[in-house]
Amino acid sequence: MSDTAPAAIFQAKHPYNTYWLSLEVNVDNHPQALLDDLAKVGWTVSRGGSGNPLRGRETLSVAAKGSDLFGSWTADEKKRHLASARKVLKKYGFGSVPLQKLTLAALL
């Protein structure tokens, strides 16, 4: 993968029902068309700007709201949201975006 190409991974905390998409992008070249298409299916940038600006990269968190407690997803929403995001990502050349289940140790 090119150092200028965006990198993507779905991540979730326990109980692993609600995922967000972490996109590592160039600081000066956000993939706006990708973000716009994700927004059309309910995924919006919820947090951005974390990363290593010395490398010229930052991580954007993109998430979809759910109808469960605190905006989390139901089982049906999990299937629907992940499928809609994967369809958009595939359009932009992301073949298989992995799911990462974060443990407490990874979050500390």
PDB file of N, CA and C in Angstrom:
ATOM      1  N   MET A   1       0.848  -1.183   0.000  1.00  0.00           N
ATOM      2  CA  MET A   1       0.000   0.000   0.000  1.00  0.00           C
ATOM      3  C   MET A   1       0.886   1.236   0.000  1.00  0.00           C
ATOM      4  N   SER A   2       0.477   2.181  -0.768  1.00  0.00           N
ATOM      5  CA  SER A   2       1.180   3.450  -0.855  1.00  0.00           C
ATOM      6  C   SER A   2       1.060   4.214   0.456  1.00  0.00           C
ATOM      7  N   ASP A   3       2.089   5.004   0.758  1.00  0.00           N
ATOM      8  CA  ASP A   3       2.057   5.819   1.973  1.00  0.00           C
ATOM      9  C   ASP A   3       1.039   6.946   1.863  1.00  0.00           C
ATOM     10  N   THR A   4       0.552   7.196   0.657  1.00  0.00           N
ATOM     11  CA  THR A   4      -0.427   8.262   0.477  1.00  0.00           C
ATOM     12  C   THR A   4      -1.858   7.734   0.416  1.00  0.00           C
ATOM     13  N   ALA A   5      -2.028   6.438   0.254  1.00  0.00           N
ATOM     14  CA  ALA A   5      -3.372   5.855   0.171  1.00  0.00           C
ATOM     15  C   ALA A   5      -3.999   5.765   1.557  1.00  0.00           C
ATOM     16  N   PRO A   6      -5.313   5.976   1.650  1.00  0.00           N
ATOM     17  CA  PRO A   6      -5.979   5.815   2.940  1.00  0.00           C
ATOM     18  C   PRO A   6      -5.936   4.350   3.390  1.00  0.00           C
ATOM     19  N   ALA A   7      -5.897   4.142   4.688  1.00  0.00           N
ATOM     20  CA  ALA A   7      -5.967   2.801   5.270  1.00  0.00           C
ATOM     21  C   ALA A   7      -7.220   2.750   6.128  1.00  0.00           C
ATOM     22  N   ALA A   8      -7.898   1.588   6.163  1.00  0.00           N
ATOM     23  CA  ALA A   8      -9.171   1.496   6.866  1.00  0.00           C
ATOM     24  C   ALA A   8      -9.254   0.232   7.712  1.00  0.00           C
ATOM     25  N   ILE A   9      -9.913   0.353   8.870  1.00  0.00           N
ATOM     26  CA  ILE A   9     -10.203  -0.784   9.727  1.00  0.00           C
ATOM     27  C   ILE A   9     -11.451  -0.456  10.549  1.00  0.00           C
ATOM     28  N   PHE A  10     -12.332  -1.452  10.695  1.00  0.00           N
ATOM     29  CA  PHE A  10     -13.474  -1.307  11.592  1.00  0.00           C
ATOM     30  C   PHE A  10     -13.017  -1.704  12.987  1.00  0.00           C
ATOM     31  N   GLN A  11     -13.400  -0.932  14.002  1.00  0.00           N
ATOM     32  CA  GLN A  11     -13.014  -1.214  15.376  1.00  0.00           C
ATOM     33  C   GLN A  11     -14.235  -1.140  16.289  1.00  0.00           C
ATOM     34  N   ALA A  12     -14.188  -1.929  17.388  1.00  0.00           N
ATOM     35  CA  ALA A  12     -15.270  -1.910  18.359  1.00  0.00           C
ATOM     36  C   ALA A  12     -14.736  -2.241  19.740  1.00  0.00           C
ATOM     37  N   LYS A  13     -15.427  -1.706  20.745  1.00  0.00           N
ATOM     38  CA  LYS A  13     -15.152  -2.037  22.145  1.00  0.00           C
ATOM     39  C   LYS A  13     -16.176  -3.081  22.593  1.00  0.00           C
ATOM     40  N   HIS A  14     -15.871  -3.745  23.701  1.00  0.00           N
ATOM     41  CA  HIS A  14     -16.786  -4.738  24.262  1.00  0.00           C
ATOM     42  C   HIS A  14     -18.152  -4.096  24.483  1.00  0.00           C
ATOM     43  N   PRO A  15     -19.244  -4.653  24.127  1.00  0.00           N
ATOM     44  CA  PRO A  15     -19.547  -6.027  23.721  1.00  0.00           C
ATOM     45  C   PRO A  15     -19.495  -6.274  22.207  1.00  0.00           C
ATOM     46  N   TYR A  16     -18.839  -5.411  21.464  1.00  0.00           N
ATOM     47  CA  TYR A  16     -18.552  -5.619  20.043  1.00  0.00           C
ATOM     48  C   TYR A  16     -19.791  -5.641  19.153  1.00  0.00           C
ATOM     49  N   ASN A  17     -20.771  -4.822  19.475  1.00  0.00           N
ATOM     50  CA  ASN A  17     -21.960  -4.708  18.635  1.00  0.00           C
ATOM     51  C   ASN A  17     -21.911  -3.473  17.743  1.00  0.00           C
ATOM     52  N   THR A  18     -21.242  -2.427  18.195  1.00  0.00           N
ATOM     53  CA  THR A  18     -21.211  -1.159  17.476  1.00  0.00           C
ATOM     54  C   THR A  18     -19.776  -0.868  17.037  1.00  0.00           C
ATOM     55  N   TYR A  19     -19.575  -0.801  15.733  1.00  0.00           N
ATOM     56  CA  TYR A  19     -18.237  -0.553  15.182  1.00  0.00           C
ATOM     57  C   TYR A  19     -18.123   0.885  14.688  1.00  0.00           C
ATOM     58  N   TRP A  20     -16.918   1.378  14.647  1.00  0.00           N
ATOM     59  CA  TRP A  20     -16.626   2.631  13.953  1.00  0.00           C
ATOM     60  C   TRP A  20     -15.543   2.316  12.942  1.00  0.00           C
ATOM     61  N   LEU A  21     -15.405   3.172  11.981  1.00  0.00           N
ATOM     62  CA  LEU A  21     -14.410   3.002  10.928  1.00  0.00           C
ATOM     63  C   LEU A  21     -13.267   3.957  11.199  1.00  0.00           C
ATOM     64  N   SER A  22     -12.066   3.423  11.350  1.00  0.00           N
ATOM     65  CA  SER A  22     -10.873   4.259  11.504  1.00  0.00           C
ATOM     66  C   SER A  22     -10.210   4.372  10.140  1.00  0.00           C
ATOM     67  N   LEU A  23     -10.117   5.591   9.657  1.00  0.00           N
ATOM     68  CA  LEU A  23      -9.482   5.871   8.366  1.00  0.00           C
ATOM     69  C   LEU A  23      -8.203   6.657   8.606  1.00  0.00           C
ATOM     70  N   GLU A  24      -7.089   6.095   8.211  1.00  0.00           N
ATOM     71  CA  GLU A  24      -5.828   6.838   8.279  1.00  0.00           C
ATOM     72  C   GLU A  24      -5.624   7.493   6.922  1.00  0.00           C
ATOM     73  N   VAL A  25      -5.532   8.823   6.944  1.00  0.00           N
ATOM     74  CA  VAL A  25      -5.479   9.605   5.706  1.00  0.00           C
ATOM     75  C   VAL A  25      -4.349  10.625   5.774  1.00  0.00           C
ATOM     76  N   ASN A  26      -4.010  11.183   4.628  1.00  0.00           N
ATOM     77  CA  ASN A  26      -3.048  12.274   4.599  1.00  0.00           C
ATOM     78  C   ASN A  26      -3.693  13.519   5.189  1.00  0.00           C
ATOM     79  N   VAL A  27      -2.924  14.259   5.978  1.00  0.00           N
ATOM     80  CA  VAL A  27      -3.430  15.461   6.626  1.00  0.00           C
ATOM     81  C   VAL A  27      -3.938  16.474   5.598  1.00  0.00           C
ATOM     82  N   ASP A  28      -3.237  16.623   4.512  1.00  0.00           N
ATOM     83  CA  ASP A  28      -3.581  17.648   3.526  1.00  0.00           C
ATOM     84  C   ASP A  28      -4.383  17.119   2.342  1.00  0.00           C
ATOM     85  N   ASN A  29      -4.850  15.851   2.426  1.00  0.00           N
ATOM     86  CA  ASN A  29      -5.584  15.289   1.297  1.00  0.00           C
ATOM     87  C   ASN A  29      -6.626  14.285   1.790  1.00  0.00           C
ATOM     88  N   HIS A  30      -7.682  14.799   2.447  1.00  0.00           N
ATOM     89  CA  HIS A  30      -8.755  13.924   2.924  1.00  0.00           C
ATOM     90  C   HIS A  30      -9.525  13.368   1.732  1.00  0.00           C
ATOM     91  N   PRO A  31      -9.937  12.106   1.792  1.00  0.00           N
ATOM     92  CA  PRO A  31     -10.726  11.523   0.700  1.00  0.00           C
ATOM     93  C   PRO A  31     -12.177  11.996   0.783  1.00  0.00           C
ATOM     94  N   GLN A  32     -12.428  13.234   0.395  1.00  0.00           N
ATOM     95  CA  GLN A  32     -13.732  13.849   0.600  1.00  0.00           C
ATOM     96  C   GLN A  32     -14.854  13.115  -0.112  1.00  0.00           C
ATOM     97  N   ALA A  33     -14.604  12.600  -1.302  1.00  0.00           N
ATOM     98  CA  ALA A  33     -15.650  11.871  -2.028  1.00  0.00           C
ATOM     99  C   ALA A  33     -16.045  10.608  -1.250  1.00  0.00           C
ATOM    100  N   LEU A  34     -15.077   9.915  -0.688  1.00  0.00           N
ATOM    101  CA  LEU A  34     -15.353   8.735   0.140  1.00  0.00           C
ATOM    102  C   LEU A  34     -16.167   9.127   1.369  1.00  0.00           C
ATOM    103  N   LEU A  35     -15.762  10.184   2.057  1.00  0.00           N
ATOM    104  CA  LEU A  35     -16.485  10.643   3.246  1.00  0.00           C
ATOM    105  C   LEU A  35     -17.907  11.073   2.897  1.00  0.00           C
ATOM    106  N   ASP A  36     -18.080  11.718   1.746  1.00  0.00           N
ATOM    107  CA  ASP A  36     -19.418  12.137   1.306  1.00  0.00           C
ATOM    108  C   ASP A  36     -20.306  10.928   1.029  1.00  0.00           C
ATOM    109  N   ASP A  37     -19.759   9.918   0.370  1.00  0.00           N
ATOM    110  CA  ASP A  37     -20.547   8.714   0.073  1.00  0.00           C
ATOM    111  C   ASP A  37     -20.879   7.939   1.339  1.00  0.00           C
ATOM    112  N   LEU A  38     -19.964   7.896   2.306  1.00  0.00           N
ATOM    113  CA  LEU A  38     -20.260   7.257   3.591  1.00  0.00           C
ATOM    114  C   LEU A  38     -21.372   8.015   4.316  1.00  0.00           C
ATOM    115  N   ALA A  39     -21.340   9.336   4.234  1.00  0.00           N
ATOM    116  CA  ALA A  39     -22.381  10.153   4.875  1.00  0.00           C
ATOM    117  C   ALA A  39     -23.757   9.876   4.265  1.00  0.00           C
ATOM    118  N   LYS A  40     -23.798   9.592   2.978  1.00  0.00           N
ATOM    119  CA  LYS A  40     -25.073   9.297   2.314  1.00  0.00           C
ATOM    120  C   LYS A  40     -25.732   8.030   2.868  1.00  0.00           C
ATOM    121  N   VAL A  41     -24.918   7.110   3.429  1.00  0.00           N
ATOM    122  CA  VAL A  41     -25.477   5.870   4.007  1.00  0.00           C
ATOM    123  C   VAL A  41     -25.447   5.911   5.536  1.00  0.00           C
ATOM    124  N   GLY A  42     -25.274   7.117   6.096  1.00  0.00           N
ATOM    125  CA  GLY A  42     -25.411   7.287   7.541  1.00  0.00           C
ATOM    126  C   GLY A  42     -24.132   7.297   8.355  1.00  0.00           C
ATOM    127  N   TRP A  43     -22.983   7.247   7.719  1.00  0.00           N
ATOM    128  CA  TRP A  43     -21.697   7.253   8.429  1.00  0.00           C
ATOM    129  C   TRP A  43     -21.100   8.653   8.361  1.00  0.00           C
ATOM    130  N   THR A  44     -20.828   9.255   9.504  1.00  0.00           N
ATOM    131  CA  THR A  44     -20.263  10.603   9.532  1.00  0.00           C
ATOM    132  C   THR A  44     -18.999  10.626  10.387  1.00  0.00           C
ATOM    133  N   VAL A  45     -18.140  11.596  10.104  1.00  0.00           N
ATOM    134  CA  VAL A  45     -16.911  11.755  10.885  1.00  0.00           C
ATOM    135  C   VAL A  45     -17.309  12.178  12.292  1.00  0.00           C
ATOM    136  N   SER A  46     -16.935  11.349  13.266  1.00  0.00           N
ATOM    137  CA  SER A  46     -17.302  11.648  14.649  1.00  0.00           C
ATOM    138  C   SER A  46     -16.124  12.212  15.426  1.00  0.00           C
ATOM    139  N   ARG A  47     -14.941  11.955  14.931  1.00  0.00           N
ATOM    140  CA  ARG A  47     -13.737  12.446  15.603  1.00  0.00           C
ATOM    141  C   ARG A  47     -12.631  12.436  14.566  1.00  0.00           C
ATOM    142  N   GLY A  48     -11.794  13.416  14.621  1.00  0.00           N
ATOM    143  CA  GLY A  48     -10.729  13.461  13.639  1.00  0.00           C
ATOM    144  C   GLY A  48      -9.503  14.146  14.179  1.00  0.00           C
ATOM    145  N   GLY A  49      -8.458  14.035  13.419  1.00  0.00           N
ATOM    146  CA  GLY A  49      -7.252  14.761  13.732  1.00  0.00           C
ATOM    147  C   GLY A  49      -6.271  14.072  14.651  1.00  0.00           C
ATOM    148  N   SER A  50      -6.546  12.828  15.063  1.00  0.00           N
ATOM    149  CA  SER A  50      -5.544  12.160  15.892  1.00  0.00           C
ATOM    150  C   SER A  50      -4.545  11.469  14.976  1.00  0.00           C
ATOM    151  N   GLY A  51      -3.334  11.424  15.394  1.00  0.00           N
ATOM    152  CA  GLY A  51      -2.316  10.779  14.582  1.00  0.00           C
ATOM    153  C   GLY A  51      -0.990  11.471  14.725  1.00  0.00           C
ATOM    154  N   ASN A  52      -0.115  11.182  13.796  1.00  0.00           N
ATOM    155  CA  ASN A  52       1.239  11.705  13.823  1.00  0.00           C
ATOM    156  C   ASN A  52       1.403  12.715  12.702  1.00  0.00           C
ATOM    157  N   PRO A  53       1.239  14.014  12.997  1.00  0.00           N
ATOM    158  CA  PRO A  53       1.351  15.014  11.935  1.00  0.00           C
ATOM    159  C   PRO A  53       2.748  15.085  11.327  1.00  0.00           C
ATOM    160  N   LEU A  54       3.745  14.580  12.036  1.00  0.00           N
ATOM    161  CA  LEU A  54       5.098  14.573  11.468  1.00  0.00           C
ATOM    162  C   LEU A  54       5.188  13.628  10.278  1.00  0.00           C
ATOM    163  N   ARG A  55       4.392  12.584  10.291  1.00  0.00           N
ATOM    164  CA  ARG A  55       4.330  11.658   9.156  1.00  0.00           C
ATOM    165  C   ARG A  55       3.366  12.166   8.094  1.00  0.00           C
ATOM    166  N   GLY A  56       2.628  13.232   8.416  1.00  0.00           N
ATOM    167  CA  GLY A  56       1.665  13.775   7.471  1.00  0.00           C
ATOM    168  C   GLY A  56       0.374  12.977   7.404  1.00  0.00           C
ATOM    169  N   ARG A  57       0.108  12.149   8.433  1.00  0.00           N
ATOM    170  CA  ARG A  57      -1.080  11.303   8.450  1.00  0.00           C
ATOM    171  C   ARG A  57      -1.903  11.583   9.705  1.00  0.00           C
ATOM    172  N   GLU A  58      -3.203  11.366   9.617  1.00  0.00           N
ATOM    173  CA  GLU A  58      -4.073  11.466  10.777  1.00  0.00           C
ATOM    174  C   GLU A  58      -5.156  10.399  10.662  1.00  0.00           C
ATOM    175  N   THR A  59      -5.790  10.092  11.788  1.00  0.00           N
ATOM    176  CA  THR A  59      -6.838   9.088  11.812  1.00  0.00           C
ATOM    177  C   THR A  59      -8.187   9.759  12.042  1.00  0.00           C
ATOM    178  N   LEU A  60      -9.117   9.474  11.143  1.00  0.00           N
ATOM    179  CA  LEU A  60     -10.488   9.956  11.271  1.00  0.00           C
ATOM    180  C   LEU A  60     -11.355   8.803  11.759  1.00  0.00           C
ATOM    181  N   SER A  61     -12.221   9.071  12.716  1.00  0.00           N
ATOM    182  CA  SER A  61     -13.193   8.079  13.162  1.00  0.00           C
ATOM    183  C   SER A  61     -14.526   8.396  12.509  1.00  0.00           C
ATOM    184  N   VAL A  62     -15.059   7.410  11.810  1.00  0.00           N
ATOM    185  CA  VAL A  62     -16.316   7.577  11.088  1.00  0.00           C
ATOM    186  C   VAL A  62     -17.299   6.563  11.660  1.00  0.00           C
ATOM    187  N   ALA A  63     -18.479   7.028  12.059  1.00  0.00           N
ATOM    188  CA  ALA A  63     -19.422   6.132  12.732  1.00  0.00           C
ATOM    189  C   ALA A  63     -20.847   6.379  12.255  1.00  0.00           C
ATOM    190  N   ALA A  64     -21.680   5.368  12.475  1.00  0.00           N
ATOM    191  CA  ALA A  64     -23.110   5.457  12.190  1.00  0.00           C
ATOM    192  C   ALA A  64     -23.864   5.320  13.509  1.00  0.00           C
ATOM    193  N   LYS A  65     -24.874   6.135  13.693  1.00  0.00           N
ATOM    194  CA  LYS A  65     -25.690   6.083  14.914  1.00  0.00           C
ATOM    195  C   LYS A  65     -26.641   4.900  14.863  1.00  0.00           C
ATOM    196  N   GLY A  66     -26.891   4.354  16.051  1.00  0.00           N
ATOM    197  CA  GLY A  66     -27.854   3.276  16.172  1.00  0.00           C
ATOM    198  C   GLY A  66     -29.041   3.716  16.999  1.00  0.00           C
ATOM    199  N   SER A  67     -30.008   2.831  17.146  1.00  0.00           N
ATOM    200  CA  SER A  67     -31.225   3.162  17.878  1.00  0.00           C
ATOM    201  C   SER A  67     -31.234   2.578  19.293  1.00  0.00           C
ATOM    202  N   ASP A  68     -30.164   1.878  19.655  1.00  0.00           N
ATOM    203  CA  ASP A  68     -30.099   1.271  20.978  1.00  0.00           C
ATOM    204  C   ASP A  68     -29.550   2.287  21.987  1.00  0.00           C
ATOM    205  N   LEU A  69     -29.378   1.877  23.192  1.00  0.00           N
ATOM    206  CA  LEU A  69     -28.913   2.732  24.281  1.00  0.00           C
ATOM    207  C   LEU A  69     -27.634   3.477  23.909  1.00  0.00           C
ATOM    208  N   PHE A  70     -27.596   4.777  24.149  1.00  0.00           N
ATOM    209  CA  PHE A  70     -26.445   5.652  23.864  1.00  0.00           C
ATOM    210  C   PHE A  70     -26.035   5.639  22.391  1.00  0.00           C
ATOM    211  N   GLY A  71     -26.982   5.371  21.506  1.00  0.00           N
ATOM    212  CA  GLY A  71     -26.687   5.383  20.076  1.00  0.00           C
ATOM    213  C   GLY A  71     -26.007   4.134  19.564  1.00  0.00           C
ATOM    214  N   SER A  72     -25.969   3.084  20.385  1.00  0.00           N
ATOM    215  CA  SER A  72     -25.345   1.841  19.930  1.00  0.00           C
ATOM    216  C   SER A  72     -26.273   1.111  18.960  1.00  0.00           C
ATOM    217  N   TRP A  73     -25.760   0.063  18.339  1.00  0.00           N
ATOM    218  CA  TRP A  73     -26.484  -0.645  17.298  1.00  0.00           C
ATOM    219  C   TRP A  73     -27.225  -1.859  17.840  1.00  0.00           C
ATOM    220  N   THR A  74     -28.347  -2.163  17.236  1.00  0.00           N
ATOM    221  CA  THR A  74     -29.024  -3.438  17.453  1.00  0.00           C
ATOM    222  C   THR A  74     -28.345  -4.460  16.530  1.00  0.00           C
ATOM    223  N   ALA A  75     -28.695  -5.713  16.666  1.00  0.00           N
ATOM    224  CA  ALA A  75     -28.106  -6.759  15.810  1.00  0.00           C
ATOM    225  C   ALA A  75     -28.416  -6.498  14.337  1.00  0.00           C
ATOM    226  N   ASP A  76     -29.652  -6.090  14.039  1.00  0.00           N
ATOM    227  CA  ASP A  76     -30.022  -5.799  12.650  1.00  0.00           C
ATOM    228  C   ASP A  76     -29.266  -4.586  12.113  1.00  0.00           C
ATOM    229  N   GLU A  77     -29.105  -3.573  12.960  1.00  0.00           N
ATOM    230  CA  GLU A  77     -28.354  -2.382  12.533  1.00  0.00           C
ATOM    231  C   GLU A  77     -26.895  -2.724  12.278  1.00  0.00           C
ATOM    232  N   LYS A  78     -26.338  -3.610  13.066  1.00  0.00           N
ATOM    233  CA  LYS A  78     -24.940  -4.012  12.866  1.00  0.00           C
ATOM    234  C   LYS A  78     -24.769  -4.583  11.458  1.00  0.00           C
ATOM    235  N   LYS A  79     -25.633  -5.489  11.066  1.00  0.00           N
ATOM    236  CA  LYS A  79     -25.556  -6.080   9.723  1.00  0.00           C
ATOM    237  C   LYS A  79     -25.727  -5.012   8.650  1.00  0.00           C
ATOM    238  N   ARG A  80     -26.733  -4.165   8.830  1.00  0.00           N
ATOM    239  CA  ARG A  80     -27.049  -3.150   7.824  1.00  0.00           C
ATOM    240  C   ARG A  80     -25.952  -2.092   7.703  1.00  0.00           C
ATOM    241  N   HIS A  81     -25.484  -1.574   8.844  1.00  0.00           N
ATOM    242  CA  HIS A  81     -24.458  -0.521   8.804  1.00  0.00           C
ATOM    243  C   HIS A  81     -23.139  -1.029   8.226  1.00  0.00           C
ATOM    244  N   LEU A  82     -22.712  -2.211   8.660  1.00  0.00           N
ATOM    245  CA  LEU A  82     -21.450  -2.743   8.130  1.00  0.00           C
ATOM    246  C   LEU A  82     -21.564  -3.032   6.638  1.00  0.00           C
ATOM    247  N   ALA A  83     -22.693  -3.580   6.208  1.00  0.00           N
ATOM    248  CA  ALA A  83     -22.874  -3.871   4.780  1.00  0.00           C
ATOM    249  C   ALA A  83     -22.863  -2.592   3.941  1.00  0.00           C
ATOM    250  N   SER A  84     -23.541  -1.543   4.422  1.00  0.00           N
ATOM    251  CA  SER A  84     -23.585  -0.298   3.641  1.00  0.00           C
ATOM    252  C   SER A  84     -22.212   0.356   3.567  1.00  0.00           C
ATOM    253  N   ALA A  85     -21.472   0.328   4.658  1.00  0.00           N
ATOM    254  CA  ALA A  85     -20.119   0.913   4.643  1.00  0.00           C
ATOM    255  C   ALA A  85     -19.186   0.101   3.754  1.00  0.00           C
ATOM    256  N   ARG A  86     -19.269  -1.225   3.830  1.00  0.00           N
ATOM    257  CA  ARG A  86     -18.413  -2.072   2.984  1.00  0.00           C
ATOM    258  C   ARG A  86     -18.694  -1.835   1.500  1.00  0.00           C
ATOM    259  N   LYS A  87     -19.955  -1.624   1.154  1.00  0.00           N
ATOM    260  CA  LYS A  87     -20.311  -1.362  -0.248  1.00  0.00           C
ATOM    261  C   LYS A  87     -19.647  -0.074  -0.729  1.00  0.00           C
ATOM    262  N   VAL A  88     -19.689   0.962   0.090  1.00  0.00           N
ATOM    263  CA  VAL A  88     -19.052   2.231  -0.278  1.00  0.00           C
ATOM    264  C   VAL A  88     -17.531   2.056  -0.352  1.00  0.00           C
ATOM    265  N   LEU A  89     -16.963   1.396   0.642  1.00  0.00           N
ATOM    266  CA  LEU A  89     -15.508   1.207   0.666  1.00  0.00           C
ATOM    267  C   LEU A  89     -15.030   0.411  -0.549  1.00  0.00           C
ATOM    268  N   LYS A  90     -15.805  -0.588  -0.945  1.00  0.00           N
ATOM    269  CA  LYS A  90     -15.436  -1.391  -2.112  1.00  0.00           C
ATOM    270  C   LYS A  90     -15.374  -0.522  -3.366  1.00  0.00           C
ATOM    271  N   LYS A  91     -16.303   0.427  -3.468  1.00  0.00           N
ATOM    272  CA  LYS A  91     -16.326   1.359  -4.601  1.00  0.00           C
ATOM    273  C   LYS A  91     -15.005   2.133  -4.701  1.00  0.00           C
ATOM    274  N   TYR A  92     -14.352   2.362  -3.558  1.00  0.00           N
ATOM    275  CA  TYR A  92     -13.099   3.130  -3.525  1.00  0.00           C
ATOM    276  C   TYR A  92     -11.863   2.240  -3.427  1.00  0.00           C
ATOM    277  N   GLY A  93     -12.013   0.951  -3.725  1.00  0.00           N
ATOM    278  CA  GLY A  93     -10.864   0.070  -3.825  1.00  0.00           C
ATOM    279  C   GLY A  93     -10.474  -0.665  -2.553  1.00  0.00           C
ATOM    280  N   PHE A  94     -11.278  -0.571  -1.506  1.00  0.00           N
ATOM    281  CA  PHE A  94     -10.995  -1.321  -0.280  1.00  0.00           C
ATOM    282  C   PHE A  94     -11.660  -2.685  -0.416  1.00  0.00           C
ATOM    283  N   GLY A  95     -10.860  -3.717  -0.655  1.00  0.00           N
ATOM    284  CA  GLY A  95     -11.417  -5.045  -0.882  1.00  0.00           C
ATOM    285  C   GLY A  95     -11.982  -5.681   0.370  1.00  0.00           C
ATOM    286  N   SER A  96     -11.173  -5.787   1.384  1.00  0.00           N
ATOM    287  CA  SER A  96     -11.601  -6.447   2.619  1.00  0.00           C
ATOM    288  C   SER A  96     -11.109  -5.624   3.806  1.00  0.00           C
ATOM    289  N   VAL A  97     -12.023  -4.969   4.463  1.00  0.00           N
ATOM    290  CA  VAL A  97     -11.663  -4.153   5.625  1.00  0.00           C
ATOM    291  C   VAL A  97     -11.896  -5.005   6.871  1.00  0.00           C
ATOM    292  N   PRO A  98     -10.845  -5.250   7.646  1.00  0.00           N
ATOM    293  CA  PRO A  98     -10.989  -6.143   8.801  1.00  0.00           C
ATOM    294  C   PRO A  98     -11.779  -5.521   9.954  1.00  0.00           C
ATOM    295  N   LEU A  99     -12.305  -6.408  10.805  1.00  0.00           N
ATOM    296  CA  LEU A  99     -12.968  -6.018  12.048  1.00  0.00           C
ATOM    297  C   LEU A  99     -11.981  -6.249  13.182  1.00  0.00           C
ATOM    298  N   GLN A 100     -11.721  -5.230  13.973  1.00  0.00           N
ATOM    299  CA  GLN A 100     -10.820  -5.354  15.111  1.00  0.00           C
ATOM    300  C   GLN A 100     -11.611  -5.189  16.400  1.00  0.00           C
ATOM    301  N   LYS A 101     -11.606  -6.240  17.224  1.00  0.00           N
ATOM    302  CA  LYS A 101     -12.274  -6.188  18.525  1.00  0.00           C
ATOM    303  C   LYS A 101     -11.248  -5.752  19.558  1.00  0.00           C
ATOM    304  N   LEU A 102     -11.377  -4.511  20.017  1.00  0.00           N
ATOM    305  CA  LEU A 102     -10.423  -3.950  20.952  1.00  0.00           C
ATOM    306  C   LEU A 102     -10.662  -4.491  22.370  1.00  0.00           C
ATOM    307  N   THR A 103      -9.585  -4.865  23.015  1.00  0.00           N
ATOM    308  CA  THR A 103      -9.659  -5.319  24.410  1.00  0.00           C
ATOM    309  C   THR A 103      -9.381  -4.129  25.326  1.00  0.00           C
ATOM    310  N   LEU A 104      -9.616  -4.324  26.607  1.00  0.00           N
ATOM    311  CA  LEU A 104      -9.324  -3.267  27.574  1.00  0.00           C
ATOM    312  C   LEU A 104      -7.844  -2.889  27.509  1.00  0.00           C
ATOM    313  N   ALA A 105      -6.983  -3.872  27.380  1.00  0.00           N
ATOM    314  CA  ALA A 105      -5.538  -3.605  27.302  1.00  0.00           C
ATOM    315  C   ALA A 105      -5.199  -2.728  26.108  1.00  0.00           C
ATOM    316  N   ALA A 106      -5.866  -2.944  24.982  1.00  0.00           N
ATOM    317  CA  ALA A 106      -5.599  -2.139  23.786  1.00  0.00           C
ATOM    318  C   ALA A 106      -6.081  -0.714  23.930  1.00  0.00           C
ATOM    319  N   LEU A 107      -7.084  -0.510  24.790  1.00  0.00           N
ATOM    320  CA  LEU A 107      -7.648   0.817  24.971  1.00  0.00           C
ATOM    321  C   LEU A 107      -6.895   1.652  26.001  1.00  0.00           C
ATOM    322  N   LEU A 108      -6.056   1.008  26.822  1.00  0.00           N
ATOM    323  CA  LEU A 108      -5.308   1.738  27.861  1.00  0.00           C
ATOM    324  C   LEU A 108      -4.062   2.357  27.323  1.00  0.00           C
TER     325      LEU A 108
END
